[in-house]
C-alpha atoms as a PDB file:
ATOM      1  CA  MET A   1       9.376  63.624 -59.901  1.00  0.00           C
ATOM      2  CA  PRO A   2       9.734  60.931 -62.714  1.00  0.00           C
ATOM      3  CA  VAL A   3       8.938  57.233 -62.204  1.00  0.00           C
ATOM      4  CA  TYR A   4      11.670  54.739 -63.465  1.00  0.00           C
ATOM      5  CA  ALA A   5       9.463  51.915 -64.614  1.00  0.00           C
ATOM      6  CA  LEU A   6      11.120  48.712 -66.214  1.00  0.00           C
ATOM      7  CA  ASP A   7      13.123  50.959 -68.736  1.00  0.00           C
ATOM      8  CA  SER A   8      13.985  54.668 -68.831  1.00  0.00           C
ATOM      9  CA  TYR A   9      12.048  55.013 -72.332  1.00  0.00           C
ATOM     10  CA  TYR A  10       8.627  53.507 -70.988  1.00  0.00           C
ATOM     11  CA  LEU A  11       8.659  51.096 -73.736  1.00  0.00           C
ATOM     12  CA  ALA A  12       8.167  47.777 -71.690  1.00  0.00           C
ATOM     13  CA  LEU A  13       5.617  49.703 -69.483  1.00  0.00           C
ATOM     14  CA  THR A  14       3.624  50.846 -72.467  1.00  0.00           C
ATOM     15  CA  LEU A  15       3.689  47.703 -74.249  1.00  0.00           C
ATOM     16  CA  LEU A  16       2.355  45.872 -70.910  1.00  0.00           C
ATOM     17  CA  VAL A  17      -0.316  48.420 -70.559  1.00  0.00           C
ATOM     18  CA  THR A  18      -1.177  48.197 -74.081  1.00  0.00           C
ATOM     19  CA  THR A  19      -1.203  44.347 -74.398  1.00  0.00           C
ATOM     20  CA  GLY A  20      -3.305  43.870 -71.123  1.00  0.00           C
ATOM     21  CA  TYR A  21      -5.826  46.479 -72.118  1.00  0.00           C
ATOM     22  CA  GLN A  22      -6.287  44.892 -75.764  1.00  0.00           C
ATOM     23  CA  LEU A  23      -6.369  41.507 -74.500  1.00  0.00           C
ATOM     24  CA  LEU A  24      -9.151  42.607 -71.968  1.00  0.00           C
ATOM     25  CA  GLY A  25     -11.066  44.238 -74.974  1.00  0.00           C
ATOM     26  CA  PHE A  26     -10.597  40.961 -76.924  1.00  0.00           C
ATOM     27  CA  ALA A  27     -11.895  38.716 -74.168  1.00  0.00           C
ATOM     28  CA  ILE A  28     -14.980  41.012 -73.798  1.00  0.00           C
ATOM     29  CA  ALA A  29     -15.488  41.016 -77.809  1.00  0.00           C
ATOM     30  CA  TRP A  30     -15.235  37.404 -78.211  1.00  0.00           C
ATOM     31  CA  THR A  31     -17.008  36.386 -74.972  1.00  0.00           C
ATOM     32  CA  LEU A  32     -20.215  38.444 -75.975  1.00  0.00           C
ATOM     33  CA  GLN A  33     -19.611  37.960 -80.062  1.00  0.00           C
ATOM     34  CA  PHE A  34     -19.754  41.793 -80.779  1.00  0.00           C
ATOM     35  CA  ASP A  35     -17.396  44.471 -81.981  1.00  0.00           C
ATOM     36  CA  LYS A  36     -18.859  47.695 -80.885  1.00  0.00           C
ATOM     37  CA  ILE A  37     -15.742  48.115 -78.491  1.00  0.00           C
ATOM     38  CA  THR A  38     -13.205  47.324 -80.917  1.00  0.00           C
ATOM     39  CA  ASP A  39     -12.339  50.597 -82.423  1.00  0.00           C
ATOM     40  CA  LEU A  40     -13.213  52.434 -79.114  1.00  0.00           C
ATOM     41  CA  THR A  41     -10.604  50.172 -77.371  1.00  0.00           C
ATOM     42  CA  GLY A  42      -7.910  50.845 -79.887  1.00  0.00           C
ATOM     43  CA  GLY A  43      -8.460  54.837 -79.841  1.00  0.00           C
ATOM     44  CA  SER A  44      -8.832  55.091 -76.116  1.00  0.00           C
ATOM     45  CA  ASN A  45      -5.336  53.409 -75.673  1.00  0.00           C
ATOM     46  CA  PHE A  46      -3.642  56.128 -77.323  1.00  0.00           C
ATOM     47  CA  PHE A  47      -5.191  58.680 -74.695  1.00  0.00           C
ATOM     48  CA  ILE A  48      -4.278  56.091 -71.899  1.00  0.00           C
ATOM     49  CA  LEU A  49      -0.506  55.909 -72.897  1.00  0.00           C
ATOM     50  CA  ALA A  50      -0.188  59.629 -73.539  1.00  0.00           C
ATOM     51  CA  LEU A  51      -1.751  60.246 -70.206  1.00  0.00           C
ATOM     52  CA  LEU A  52      -0.056  57.672 -68.297  1.00  0.00           C
ATOM     53  CA  THR A  53       3.535  58.462 -69.521  1.00  0.00           C
ATOM     54  CA  LEU A  54       3.046  62.436 -69.013  1.00  0.00           C
ATOM     55  CA  LEU A  55       2.152  61.383 -65.265  1.00  0.00           C
ATOM     56  CA  ALA A  56       4.787  58.779 -64.631  1.00  0.00           C
ATOM     57  CA  GLY A  57       7.453  61.003 -66.258  1.00  0.00           C
ATOM     58  CA  GLY A  58       6.376  64.004 -63.966  1.00  0.00           C
ATOM     59  CA  THR A  59       8.177  66.453 -66.035  1.00  0.00           C
ATOM     60  CA  PHE A  60       5.527  68.767 -67.127  1.00  0.00           C
ATOM     61  CA  HIS A  61       7.401  70.793 -69.664  1.00  0.00           C
ATOM     62  CA  THR A  62       5.357  72.725 -72.072  1.00  0.00           C
ATOM     63  CA  ARG A  63       6.420  70.417 -74.937  1.00  0.00           C
ATOM     64  CA  ASN A  64       5.568  67.463 -73.227  1.00  0.00           C
ATOM     65  CA  VAL A  65       2.043  68.781 -72.188  1.00  0.00           C
ATOM     66  CA  VAL A  66       1.198  70.069 -75.484  1.00  0.00           C
ATOM     67  CA  THR A  67       2.305  66.832 -77.233  1.00  0.00           C
ATOM     68  CA  SER A  68       0.573  64.594 -74.950  1.00  0.00           C
ATOM     69  CA  VAL A  69      -2.550  66.716 -75.085  1.00  0.00           C
ATOM     70  CA  LEU A  70      -2.497  66.854 -78.987  1.00  0.00           C
ATOM     71  CA  VAL A  71      -2.346  62.932 -78.668  1.00  0.00           C
ATOM     72  CA  MET A  72      -5.283  62.808 -76.126  1.00  0.00           C
ATOM     73  CA  ILE A  73      -7.438  65.236 -78.658  1.00  0.00           C
ATOM     74  CA  TRP A  74      -6.803  62.879 -81.384  1.00  0.00           C
ATOM     75  CA  ALA A  75      -7.735  59.881 -79.584  1.00  0.00           C
ATOM     76  CA  VAL A  76     -10.871  61.082 -78.108  1.00  0.00           C
ATOM     77  CA  ARG A  77     -12.028  62.448 -81.445  1.00  0.00           C
ATOM     78  CA  ILE A  78     -11.276  59.094 -83.298  1.00  0.00           C
ATOM     79  CA  ALA A  79     -12.515  56.776 -80.644  1.00  0.00           C
ATOM     80  CA  GLY A  80     -15.447  58.678 -80.164  1.00  0.00           C
ATOM     81  CA  PHE A  81     -16.281  59.088 -83.726  1.00  0.00           C
ATOM     82  CA  LEU A  82     -15.771  55.346 -84.835  1.00  0.00           C
ATOM     83  CA  PHE A  83     -17.704  54.170 -81.165  1.00  0.00           C
ATOM     84  CA  PHE A  84     -20.695  56.509 -82.413  1.00  0.00           C
ATOM     85  CA  ARG A  85     -20.532  55.476 -85.994  1.00  0.00           C
ATOM     86  CA  VAL A  86     -20.752  51.596 -84.898  1.00  0.00           C
ATOM     87  CA  LEU A  87     -23.553  52.178 -82.627  1.00  0.00           C
ATOM     88  CA  MET A  88     -25.584  53.886 -85.547  1.00  0.00           C
ATOM     89  CA  THR A  89     -24.912  50.989 -87.996  1.00  0.00           C
ATOM     90  CA  GLY A  90     -25.201  48.245 -85.399  1.00  0.00           C
ATOM     91  CA  HIS A  91     -22.165  46.313 -86.310  1.00  0.00           C
ATOM     92  CA  ASP A  92     -18.592  46.566 -87.976  1.00  0.00           C
ATOM     93  CA  GLY A  93     -18.604  44.865 -91.348  1.00  0.00           C
ATOM     94  CA  ARG A  94     -14.740  44.265 -91.050  1.00  0.00           C
ATOM     95  CA  PHE A  95     -15.270  41.427 -88.693  1.00  0.00           C
ATOM     96  CA  ASP A  96     -18.239  39.486 -90.293  1.00  0.00           C
ATOM     97  CA  GLU A  97     -15.939  36.711 -91.532  1.00  0.00           C
ATOM     98  CA  ILE A  98     -13.581  36.445 -88.487  1.00  0.00           C
ATOM     99  CA  ARG A  99     -15.826  37.285 -85.636  1.00  0.00           C
ATOM    100  CA  LYS A 100     -16.791  33.518 -84.849  1.00  0.00           C
ATOM    101  CA  HIS A 101     -12.866  32.240 -85.459  1.00  0.00           C
ATOM    102  CA  PHE A 102     -10.906  32.731 -82.293  1.00  0.00           C
ATOM    103  CA  PHE A 103      -7.695  32.822 -83.514  1.00  0.00           C
ATOM    104  CA  LYS A 104      -8.423  35.113 -86.572  1.00  0.00           C
ATOM    105  CA  PHE A 105     -10.299  37.464 -84.241  1.00  0.00           C
ATOM    106  CA  LEU A 106      -7.357  37.133 -81.759  1.00  0.00           C
ATOM    107  CA  ALA A 107      -4.948  38.130 -84.580  1.00  0.00           C
ATOM    108  CA  PHE A 108      -6.658  41.559 -85.095  1.00  0.00           C
ATOM    109  CA  TRP A 109      -6.351  42.326 -81.634  1.00  0.00           C
ATOM    110  CA  ILE A 110      -2.678  41.517 -81.596  1.00  0.00           C
ATOM    111  CA  ALA A 111      -2.191  43.773 -84.784  1.00  0.00           C
ATOM    112  CA  GLN A 112      -4.114  46.396 -82.864  1.00  0.00           C
ATOM    113  CA  ILE A 113      -1.407  46.155 -79.897  1.00  0.00           C
ATOM    114  CA  LEU A 114       1.523  46.511 -82.375  1.00  0.00           C
ATOM    115  CA  TRP A 115      -0.409  49.566 -84.045  1.00  0.00           C
ATOM    116  CA  VAL A 116      -1.106  51.535 -80.681  1.00  0.00           C
ATOM    117  CA  TRP A 117       2.208  50.795 -79.263  1.00  0.00           C
ATOM    118  CA  ILE A 118       4.301  51.751 -82.612  1.00  0.00           C
ATOM    119  CA  VAL A 119       2.291  54.667 -83.330  1.00  0.00           C
ATOM    120  CA  SER A 120       2.349  56.033 -79.702  1.00  0.00           C
ATOM    121  CA  LEU A 121       6.267  56.104 -79.490  1.00  0.00           C
ATOM    122  CA  PRO A 122       7.052  59.595 -80.211  1.00  0.00           C
ATOM    123  CA  VAL A 123       5.162  60.908 -77.272  1.00  0.00           C
ATOM    124  CA  VAL A 124       5.974  57.628 -75.225  1.00  0.00           C
ATOM    125  CA  ILE A 125       9.922  58.248 -75.440  1.00  0.00           C
ATOM    126  CA  LEU A 126       9.381  62.228 -75.243  1.00  0.00           C
ATOM    127  CA  ASN A 127       7.529  61.739 -71.993  1.00  0.00           C
ATOM    128  CA  SER A 128      10.233  59.355 -70.532  1.00  0.00           C
ATOM    129  CA  PRO A 129      12.986  60.142 -67.968  1.00  0.00           C
ATOM    130  CA  ALA A 130      15.398  59.575 -70.829  1.00  0.00           C
ATOM    131  CA  ILE A 131      14.534  62.478 -72.534  1.00  0.00           C
ATOM    132  CA  SER A 132      12.768  64.780 -70.633  1.00  0.00           C
ATOM    133  CA  ASP A 133      14.372  64.414 -66.654  1.00  0.00           C
ATOM    134  CA  VAL A 134      16.890  67.260 -66.774  1.00  0.00           C
ATOM    135  CA  ALA A 135      18.084  66.191 -63.623  1.00  0.00           C
ATOM    136  CA  HIS A 136      19.399  62.756 -65.017  1.00  0.00           C
ATOM    137  CA  GLY A 137      20.658  63.674 -68.486  1.00  0.00           C
ATOM    138  CA  GLY A 138      17.457  64.645 -70.202  1.00  0.00           C
ATOM    139  CA  SER A 139      17.037  67.927 -71.835  1.00  0.00           C
ATOM    140  CA  ASN A 140      14.185  70.739 -72.199  1.00  0.00           C
ATOM    141  CA  PRO A 141      14.959  73.338 -74.613  1.00  0.00           C
ATOM    142  CA  SER A 142      12.890  76.371 -74.819  1.00  0.00           C
ATOM    143  CA  PHE A 143       9.172  75.605 -76.233  1.00  0.00           C
ATOM    144  CA  GLY A 144       8.842  77.309 -79.629  1.00  0.00           C
ATOM    145  CA  THR A 145      11.508  75.918 -81.832  1.00  0.00           C
ATOM    146  CA  SER A 146      10.900  75.790 -85.482  1.00  0.00           C
ATOM    147  CA  ARG A 147      10.230  72.111 -85.233  1.00  0.00           C
ATOM    148  CA  ASP A 148       7.596  72.524 -82.308  1.00  0.00           C
ATOM    149  CA  ILE A 149       5.622  75.130 -84.618  1.00  0.00           C
ATOM    150  CA  ALA A 150       5.935  73.066 -87.707  1.00  0.00           C
ATOM    151  CA  GLY A 151       4.873  69.913 -85.782  1.00  0.00           C
ATOM    152  CA  ILE A 152       1.859  71.563 -84.387  1.00  0.00           C
ATOM    153  CA  VAL A 153       0.851  73.336 -87.576  1.00  0.00           C
ATOM    154  CA  LEU A 154       0.895  69.850 -89.500  1.00  0.00           C
ATOM    155  CA  TRP A 155      -0.811  68.063 -86.810  1.00  0.00           C
ATOM    156  CA  ALA A 156      -3.534  70.916 -86.724  1.00  0.00           C
ATOM    157  CA  LEU A 157      -3.974  70.465 -90.429  1.00  0.00           C
ATOM    158  CA  GLY A 158      -4.139  66.869 -90.507  1.00  0.00           C
ATOM    159  CA  PHE A 159      -6.838  66.882 -87.646  1.00  0.00           C
ATOM    160  CA  PHE A 160      -8.781  69.197 -89.533  1.00  0.00           C
ATOM    161  CA  VAL A 161      -8.636  66.991 -92.734  1.00  0.00           C
ATOM    162  CA  GLU A 162      -9.294  63.755 -91.041  1.00  0.00           C
ATOM    163  CA  ALA A 163     -12.250  65.142 -88.613  1.00  0.00           C
ATOM    164  CA  THR A 164     -13.908  67.131 -91.326  1.00  0.00           C
ATOM    165  CA  ALA A 165     -13.882  64.254 -93.975  1.00  0.00           C
ATOM    166  CA  ASP A 166     -15.101  61.728 -91.259  1.00  0.00           C
ATOM    167  CA  VAL A 167     -18.166  64.021 -90.755  1.00  0.00           C
ATOM    168  CA  GLN A 168     -18.867  64.747 -94.271  1.00  0.00           C
ATOM    169  CA  LYS A 169     -18.859  61.270 -95.217  1.00  0.00           C
ATOM    170  CA  TYR A 170     -21.184  60.059 -92.366  1.00  0.00           C
ATOM    171  CA  LEU A 171     -23.894  62.828 -93.300  1.00  0.00           C
ATOM    172  CA  TYR A 172     -23.503  61.912 -96.843  1.00  0.00           C
ATOM    173  CA  LYS A 173     -23.905  58.146 -96.308  1.00  0.00           C
ATOM    174  CA  SER A 174     -26.585  58.986 -93.487  1.00  0.00           C
ATOM    175  CA  SER A 175     -28.690  61.249 -95.835  1.00  0.00           C
ATOM    176  CA  LYS A 176     -31.843  59.548 -97.443  1.00  0.00           C
ATOM    177  CA  THR A 177     -31.419  61.561-100.777  1.00  0.00           C
ATOM    178  CA  THR A 178     -27.846  60.293-101.386  1.00  0.00           C
ATOM    179  CA  PRO A 179     -27.480  58.773-104.816  1.00  0.00           C
ATOM    180  CA  LYS A 180     -26.476  54.894-104.677  1.00  0.00           C
ATOM    181  CA  ASP A 181     -24.976  55.001-107.999  1.00  0.00           C
ATOM    182  CA  LYS A 182     -22.245  57.743-107.382  1.00  0.00           C
ATOM    183  CA  PRO A 183     -19.126  57.963-105.097  1.00  0.00           C
ATOM    184  CA  ILE A 184     -19.108  60.851-102.833  1.00  0.00           C
ATOM    185  CA  THR A 185     -17.450  63.932-104.070  1.00  0.00           C
ATOM    186  CA  VAL A 186     -18.672  66.539-101.461  1.00  0.00           C
ATOM    187  CA  GLY A 187     -16.164  68.714 -99.683  1.00  0.00           C
ATOM    188  CA  LEU A 188     -12.777  67.421 -98.989  1.00  0.00           C
ATOM    189  CA  TRP A 189     -14.045  63.967-100.969  1.00  0.00           C
ATOM    190  CA  ALA A 190     -13.846  66.255-104.064  1.00  0.00           C
ATOM    191  CA  TYR A 191     -10.073  66.480-104.013  1.00  0.00           C
ATOM    192  CA  SER A 192      -9.150  63.286-102.474  1.00  0.00           C
ATOM    193  CA  ARG A 193     -10.596  59.646-102.613  1.00  0.00           C
ATOM    194  CA  HIS A 194      -9.274  58.866 -98.893  1.00  0.00           C
ATOM    195  CA  PRO A 195      -8.977  62.077 -97.091  1.00  0.00           C
ATOM    196  CA  PRO A 196      -9.170  60.931 -93.496  1.00  0.00           C
ATOM    197  CA  TYR A 197      -6.137  58.736 -94.142  1.00  0.00           C
ATOM    198  CA  PHE A 198      -4.105  61.832 -95.435  1.00  0.00           C
ATOM    199  CA  GLY A 199      -5.136  63.485 -92.370  1.00  0.00           C
ATOM    200  CA  GLU A 200      -4.081  60.642 -90.166  1.00  0.00           C
ATOM    201  CA  MET A 201      -0.595  60.590 -91.813  1.00  0.00           C
ATOM    202  CA  MET A 202      -0.302  64.218 -91.479  1.00  0.00           C
ATOM    203  CA  CYS A 203      -1.159  64.273 -87.515  1.00  0.00           C
ATOM    204  CA  TRP A 204       1.441  61.612 -86.759  1.00  0.00           C
ATOM    205  CA  TRP A 205       4.237  63.071 -88.961  1.00  0.00           C
ATOM    206  CA  GLY A 206       3.579  66.339 -86.801  1.00  0.00           C
ATOM    207  CA  ILE A 207       3.690  64.534 -83.730  1.00  0.00           C
ATOM    208  CA  TRP A 208       6.990  62.959 -84.474  1.00  0.00           C
ATOM    209  CA  ILE A 209       8.250  66.486 -85.462  1.00  0.00           C
ATOM    210  CA  LEU A 210       7.029  68.153 -82.236  1.00  0.00           C
ATOM    211  CA  CYS A 211       8.917  65.606 -79.960  1.00  0.00           C
ATOM    212  CA  LEU A 212      12.271  66.311 -81.623  1.00  0.00           C
ATOM    213  CA  SER A 213      13.535  69.380 -80.228  1.00  0.00           C
ATOM    214  CA  PRO A 214      15.148  67.640 -77.338  1.00  0.00           C
ATOM    215  CA  THR A 215      17.391  66.011 -79.766  1.00  0.00           C
ATOM    216  CA  THR A 216      17.912  68.784 -82.520  1.00  0.00           C
ATOM    217  CA  ASN A 217      18.086  71.743 -80.008  1.00  0.00           C
ATOM    218  CA  GLY A 218      18.920  70.060 -76.534  1.00  0.00           C
ATOM    219  CA  SER A 219      21.725  68.167 -75.099  1.00  0.00           C
ATOM    220  CA  LEU A 220      21.010  64.368 -75.118  1.00  0.00           C
ATOM    221  CA  SER A 221      23.165  61.269 -74.776  1.00  0.00           C
ATOM    222  CA  SER A 222      23.670  59.491 -78.264  1.00  0.00           C
ATOM    223  CA  SER A 223      21.380  56.672 -77.223  1.00  0.00           C
ATOM    224  CA  ALA A 224      18.317  58.918 -76.339  1.00  0.00           C
ATOM    225  CA  LYS A 225      18.820  60.805 -79.660  1.00  0.00           C
ATOM    226  CA  SER A 226      18.707  57.508 -81.359  1.00  0.00           C
ATOM    227  CA  ALA A 227      15.610  56.711 -79.566  1.00  0.00           C
ATOM    228  CA  GLN A 228      13.802  59.872 -80.702  1.00  0.00           C
ATOM    229  CA  TYR A 229      14.911  59.502 -84.332  1.00  0.00           C
ATOM    230  CA  ALA A 230      13.875  55.733 -84.081  1.00  0.00           C
ATOM    231  CA  ALA A 231      10.208  56.996 -83.332  1.00  0.00           C
ATOM    232  CA  ILE A 232      10.126  57.949 -86.824  1.00  0.00           C
ATOM    233  CA  PHE A 233       8.710  54.163 -87.042  1.00  0.00           C
ATOM    234  CA  SER A 234       5.450  55.915 -85.974  1.00  0.00           C
ATOM    235  CA  PRO A 235       4.434  58.141 -88.899  1.00  0.00           C
ATOM    236  CA  ILE A 236       6.031  55.345 -91.287  1.00  0.00           C
ATOM    237  CA  PHE A 237       4.134  52.830 -89.731  1.00  0.00           C
ATOM    238  CA  THR A 238       1.143  54.799 -90.333  1.00  0.00           C
ATOM    239  CA  VAL A 239       1.623  55.445 -93.849  1.00  0.00           C
ATOM    240  CA  ILE A 240       2.441  51.592 -94.597  1.00  0.00           C
ATOM    241  CA  VAL A 241      -0.835  50.364 -92.802  1.00  0.00           C
ATOM    242  CA  LEU A 242      -3.217  52.880 -94.403  1.00  0.00           C
ATOM    243  CA  MET A 243      -1.404  52.675 -97.871  1.00  0.00           C
ATOM    244  CA  PHE A 244      -0.722  48.812 -97.888  1.00  0.00           C
ATOM    245  CA  GLY A 245      -2.588  47.429 -94.996  1.00  0.00           C
ATOM    246  CA  SER A 246      -5.946  48.060 -93.457  1.00  0.00           C
ATOM    247  CA  GLY A 247      -6.676  51.629 -95.337  1.00  0.00           C
ATOM    248  CA  VAL A 248      -6.584  52.342 -99.016  1.00  0.00           C
ATOM    249  CA  PRO A 249      -6.341  48.434-100.348  1.00  0.00           C
ATOM    250  CA  THR A 250      -9.501  47.440 -98.180  1.00  0.00           C
ATOM    251  CA  SER A 251     -11.348  50.540 -99.895  1.00  0.00           C
ATOM    252  CA  ALA A 252     -10.289  51.458-103.285  1.00  0.00           C
ATOM    253  CA  LYS A 253     -10.676  48.040-105.292  1.00  0.00           C
ATOM    254  CA  PRO A 254     -13.497  46.902-103.443  1.00  0.00           C
ATOM    255  CA  GLN A 255     -15.237  50.139-104.166  1.00  0.00           C
ATOM    256  CA  ALA A 256     -14.586  50.138-107.861  1.00  0.00           C
ATOM    257  CA  LYS A 257     -15.922  46.585-107.717  1.00  0.00           C
ATOM    258  CA  ARG A 258     -19.075  47.601-106.353  1.00  0.00           C
ATOM    259  CA  PHE A 259     -19.816  50.289-109.150  1.00  0.00           C
ATOM    260  CA  TYR A 260     -18.581  47.824-111.809  1.00  0.00           C
ATOM    261  CA  LEU A 261     -21.250  45.557-110.580  1.00  0.00           C
ATOM    262  CA  LYS A 262     -23.871  48.389-110.451  1.00  0.00           C
ATOM    263  CA  SER A 263     -23.520  48.444-114.367  1.00  0.00           C
ATOM    264  CA  TYR A 264     -22.568  44.939-115.217  1.00  0.00           C
ATOM    265  CA  GLY A 265     -23.672  42.645-112.365  1.00  0.00           C
ATOM    266  CA  PRO A 266     -26.704  40.045-112.574  1.00  0.00           C
ATOM    267  CA  THR A 267     -29.123  42.531-111.241  1.00  0.00           C
ATOM    268  CA  ALA A 268     -28.251  45.675-113.554  1.00  0.00           C
ATOM    269  CA  HIS A 269     -30.103  46.930-116.373  1.00  0.00           C
ATOM    270  CA  GLU A 270     -28.939  48.182-119.772  1.00  0.00           C
ATOM    271  CA  GLU A 271     -29.163  51.763-118.582  1.00  0.00           C
ATOM    272  CA  ASP A 272     -27.021  51.245-115.798  1.00  0.00           C
ATOM    273  CA  SER A 273     -23.833  50.960-117.931  1.00  0.00           C
ATOM    274  CA  VAL A 274     -23.228  54.522-117.261  1.00  0.00           C
ATOM    275  CA  ILE A 275     -22.782  54.123-113.618  1.00  0.00           C
ATOM    276  CA  TRP A 276     -19.229  52.530-114.387  1.00  0.00           C
ATOM    277  CA  GLN A 277     -18.325  54.758-117.047  1.00  0.00           C
ATOM    278  CA  ARG A 278     -19.234  57.639-114.712  1.00  0.00           C
ATOM    279  CA  TYR A 279     -17.053  56.169-112.035  1.00  0.00           C
ATOM    280  CA  LYS A 280     -13.991  55.792-114.308  1.00  0.00           C
ATOM    281  CA  MET A 281     -14.235  59.295-114.983  1.00  0.00           C
ATOM    282  CA  TYR A 282     -14.258  59.879-111.239  1.00  0.00           C
ATOM    283  CA  LEU A 283     -11.128  58.127-110.755  1.00  0.00           C
ATOM    284  CA  GLU A 284      -9.483  60.376-113.585  1.00  0.00           C
ATOM    285  CA  ARG A 285      -9.991  63.126-111.884  1.00  0.00           C
ATOM    286  CA  THR A 286      -9.774  62.321-108.159  1.00  0.00           C
ATOM    287  CA  SER A 287      -6.567  62.000-106.476  1.00  0.00           C
ATOM    288  CA  ILE A 288      -6.180  58.754-104.452  1.00  0.00           C
ATOM    289  CA  LEU A 289      -4.629  60.292-101.237  1.00  0.00           C
ATOM    290  CA  VAL A 290      -3.118  63.822-101.403  1.00  0.00           C
ATOM    291  CA  PRO A 291      -5.924  66.367-101.927  1.00  0.00           C
ATOM    292  CA  VAL A 292      -5.738  68.202-105.488  1.00  0.00           C
ATOM    293  CA  PRO A 293      -8.200  70.203-107.342  1.00  0.00           C
ATOM    294  CA  PRO A 294      -9.532  67.897-109.930  1.00  0.00           C
ATOM    295  CA  ALA A 295      -8.883  70.710-112.782  1.00  0.00           C
ATOM    296  CA  LEU A 296      -5.154  70.043-111.930  1.00  0.00           C
ATOM    297  CA  TYR A 297      -5.253  66.491-111.283  1.00  0.00           C
ATOM    298  CA  LYS A 298      -7.223  65.150-114.178  1.00  0.00           C
ATOM    299  CA  PRO A 299      -4.735  66.296-117.005  1.00  0.00           C
ATOM    300  CA  LEU A 300      -1.699  64.810-115.532  1.00  0.00           C
ATOM    301  CA  PRO A 301       0.208  61.897-117.209  1.00  0.00           C
ATOM    302  CA  SER A 302      -1.010  58.602-115.904  1.00  0.00           C
ATOM    303  CA  ILE A 303       2.768  57.812-114.718  1.00  0.00           C
ATOM    304  CA  LEU A 304       2.755  60.761-112.453  1.00  0.00           C
ATOM    305  CA  LYS A 305      -0.535  59.621-110.940  1.00  0.00           C
ATOM    306  CA  LYS A 306       0.578  55.969-110.564  1.00  0.00           C
ATOM    307  CA  THR A 307       3.997  57.192-108.851  1.00  0.00           C
ATOM    308  CA  LEU A 308       4.102  60.801-107.567  1.00  0.00           C
ATOM    309  CA  PHE A 309       0.373  60.687-106.495  1.00  0.00           C
ATOM    310  CA  LEU A 310       0.501  56.891-105.029  1.00  0.00           C
ATOM    311  CA  ASP A 311      -2.326  55.663-107.265  1.00  0.00           C
ATOM    312  CA  PHE A 312      -0.568  52.136-107.411  1.00  0.00           C
ATOM    313  CA  PRO A 313      -1.805  49.468-109.788  1.00  0.00           C
ATOM    314  CA  MET A 314      -2.729  47.381-106.768  1.00  0.00           C
ATOM    315  CA  TYR A 315      -5.618  49.738-106.047  1.00  0.00           C
ATOM    316  CA  GLN A 316      -7.227  49.524-109.737  1.00  0.00           C
ATOM    317  CA  PHE A 317     -10.004  47.215-110.511  1.00  0.00           C
ATOM    318  CA  ASN A 318      -9.127  45.585-113.996  1.00  0.00           C
ATOM    319  CA  GLU A 319     -12.512  45.146-115.651  1.00  0.00           C
ATOM    320  CA  ALA A 320     -11.078  42.849-118.199  1.00  0.00           C
ATOM    321  CA  LYS A 321      -9.461  40.500-115.897  1.00  0.00           C
ATOM    322  CA  GLU A 322     -11.427  40.822-112.949  1.00  0.00           C
ATOM    323  CA  GLY A 323     -14.677  41.865-114.318  1.00  0.00           C
ATOM    324  CA  PRO A 324     -15.859  38.073-115.206  1.00  0.00           C
ATOM    325  CA  SER A 325     -15.066  36.537-112.046  1.00  0.00           C
ATOM    326  CA  ALA A 326     -16.804  39.467-110.249  1.00  0.00           C
ATOM    327  CA  ILE A 327     -19.716  38.983-112.183  1.00  0.00           C
ATOM    328  CA  GLU A 328     -19.818  35.192-111.667  1.00  0.00           C
ATOM    329  CA  GLU A 329     -19.345  35.763-107.724  1.00  0.00           C
ATOM    330  CA  ALA A 330     -22.324  38.066-107.549  1.00  0.00           C
ATOM    331  CA  ARG A 331     -24.574  35.724-109.561  1.00  0.00           C
ATOM    332  CA  LYS A 332     -24.067  32.994-106.995  1.00  0.00           C
ATOM    333  CA  THR A 333     -25.155  35.265-104.523  1.00  0.00           C
ATOM    334  CA  VAL A 334     -28.288  36.094-106.264  1.00  0.00           C
ATOM    335  CA  VAL A 335     -28.943  32.738-107.016  1.00  0.00           C
END
């Protein structure tokens, strides 16, 4: 029997639960001044919302169960991996500058509230009474529509790419024989500079598509259909965050800067100049996001790489304009 809590789409309920859970995490992290639970709290929140709305909705249709389970599998994998990684490394460098500043640290947790709640919208809305309670206007078309299949396949491919790339990078960086003057090019990393981000985007596009059949193949009210279509904000938000927020921008240019300084920084030697030249060759042959064989990607025109393949100028380290200031900054840290 569905539970009608606050609204028939479970938007208010899940927002309240997410806010309470994340603020509790913030209180613990701020009080103890550590960040080992930050990613664990974020990932596990997805699990909580999927399970909560499935149980509260009380309509255990195959589509609802499959979608909820896929979200929970994704949540367990990412939360578990990130928690294990931070335990092994001892800390999360992302928070070194903000951990001791109350409002800056709080701002991160507020952003995490928005991330979890918005990205969870497809499964939350699917499990809600307005969509799945057949006795009160919901709809449950037979499982196995083309959208169901497409969504599951897309999610499975994305999950494989994301999980495999994370493990490959962890093993690569953990190895004592890993060269420090070369970027990772093992496995999926030979085809993309950010394969986990690509995999995560695929996962959430897959979840949204999987949730759509009550609208496209069923009989819902216009408002319920609008709610399901509006849940596209989930995969769109995922793309925006990873391409323009805490994903590629925090990795691409900073990594290029590190390799540039390995060649021309204050502690570099004359023979180290090959490091930067080798890194530029790596950029030319390796797609920034979508996995593409290097032999196919390298000869592509620069305009295609910067548009169709999303290698925007904002990700590129300009050695002529930014190099001198980077060297000066590094020199100050050495002194």
